[in-house]
Amino acid sequence: SPEQLVIEKEVWEDFKQRLNGRLSKMENQVLAFYLDGNNYQQIGEKMNKSSKSIDNALQRIKGKVRESLGRKK
């Protein structure tokens, strides 16, 4: 229903805001590139970082997402 869609959008926006506050500047950049469809190598090239650095950042992001959702690893 339209009402449910509005509620879900508000919940999603709240979650994104809380997560954004927990991520470092680099993690926010990595996440934005990743959500745009870039792979680790492409992100690394854009940010002048190694693929391993990007992998590490995404692992930290996943951990922070889990924590934000109240889930354990």
Protein backbone atom coordinates (compact mmCIF):
# COMPACT_ATOMS: atom_id res chain seq x y z
CA SER A 1 0.00 0.00 0.00
CA PRO A 2 1.16 3.59 -0.46
CA GLU A 3 1.20 4.09 3.30
CA GLN A 4 3.48 1.07 3.79
CA LEU A 5 5.84 2.33 1.09
CA VAL A 6 6.15 5.70 2.86
CA ILE A 7 6.88 3.97 6.17
CA GLU A 8 9.48 1.68 4.61
CA LYS A 9 11.16 4.63 2.90
CA GLU A 10 11.35 6.49 6.23
CA VAL A 11 12.83 3.42 7.96
CA TRP A 12 15.38 3.01 5.14
CA GLU A 13 16.38 6.70 5.29
CA ASP A 14 16.79 6.50 9.08
CA PHE A 15 18.98 3.40 8.74
CA LYS A 16 21.15 5.03 6.05
CA GLN A 17 21.62 8.10 8.23
CA ARG A 18 22.63 6.03 11.27
CA LEU A 19 25.02 3.93 9.19
CA ASN A 20 26.51 6.97 7.48
CA GLY A 21 27.40 8.38 10.89
CA ARG A 22 29.29 5.20 11.76
CA LEU A 23 31.32 4.94 8.56
CA SER A 24 34.61 6.69 7.94
CA LYS A 25 34.99 8.97 4.94
CA MET A 26 36.83 6.21 3.06
CA GLU A 27 34.19 3.63 3.95
CA ASN A 28 31.44 5.95 2.71
CA GLN A 29 33.30 6.41 -0.59
CA VAL A 30 33.90 2.69 -0.98
CA LEU A 31 30.25 1.93 -0.24
CA ALA A 32 29.04 4.53 -2.74
CA PHE A 33 31.27 3.12 -5.50
CA TYR A 34 30.25 -0.45 -4.60
CA LEU A 35 26.54 0.38 -4.68
CA ASP A 36 27.09 2.01 -8.08
CA GLY A 37 28.16 -1.42 -9.36
CA ASN A 38 31.95 -1.12 -9.26
CA ASN A 39 34.04 -4.15 -8.34
CA TYR A 40 36.96 -4.12 -5.88
CA GLN A 41 39.56 -3.47 -8.57
CA GLN A 42 37.58 -0.60 -10.12
CA ILE A 43 37.03 1.00 -6.72
CA GLY A 44 40.72 0.61 -5.89
CA GLU A 45 41.72 2.28 -9.14
CA LYS A 46 39.33 5.20 -8.55
CA MET A 47 40.56 5.68 -4.99
CA ASN A 48 44.24 4.86 -5.63
CA LYS A 49 44.04 1.97 -3.16
CA SER A 50 44.77 -1.74 -3.41
CA SER A 51 41.98 -4.24 -3.93
CA LYS A 52 42.85 -5.62 -0.50
CA SER A 53 42.25 -2.20 1.09
CA ILE A 54 38.86 -2.09 -0.59
CA ASP A 55 38.08 -5.62 0.59
CA ASN A 56 39.04 -4.66 4.15
CA ALA A 57 36.85 -1.54 4.00
CA LEU A 58 33.88 -3.55 2.75
CA GLN A 59 34.37 -6.10 5.54
CA ARG A 60 34.32 -3.26 8.09
CA ILE A 61 31.20 -1.84 6.44
CA LYS A 62 29.45 -5.23 6.61
CA GLY A 63 30.31 -5.49 10.30
CA LYS A 64 28.92 -2.01 10.96
CA VAL A 65 25.76 -2.87 9.02
CA ARG A 66 25.29 -5.98 11.17
CA GLU A 67 25.84 -3.95 14.33
CA SER A 68 23.36 -1.31 13.15
CA LEU A 69 20.79 -4.03 12.59
CA GLY A 70 21.51 -5.53 16.00
CA ARG A 71 22.88 -8.77 14.58
CA LYS A 72 25.93 -10.75 15.65
CA LYS A 73 28.58 -11.98 13.20
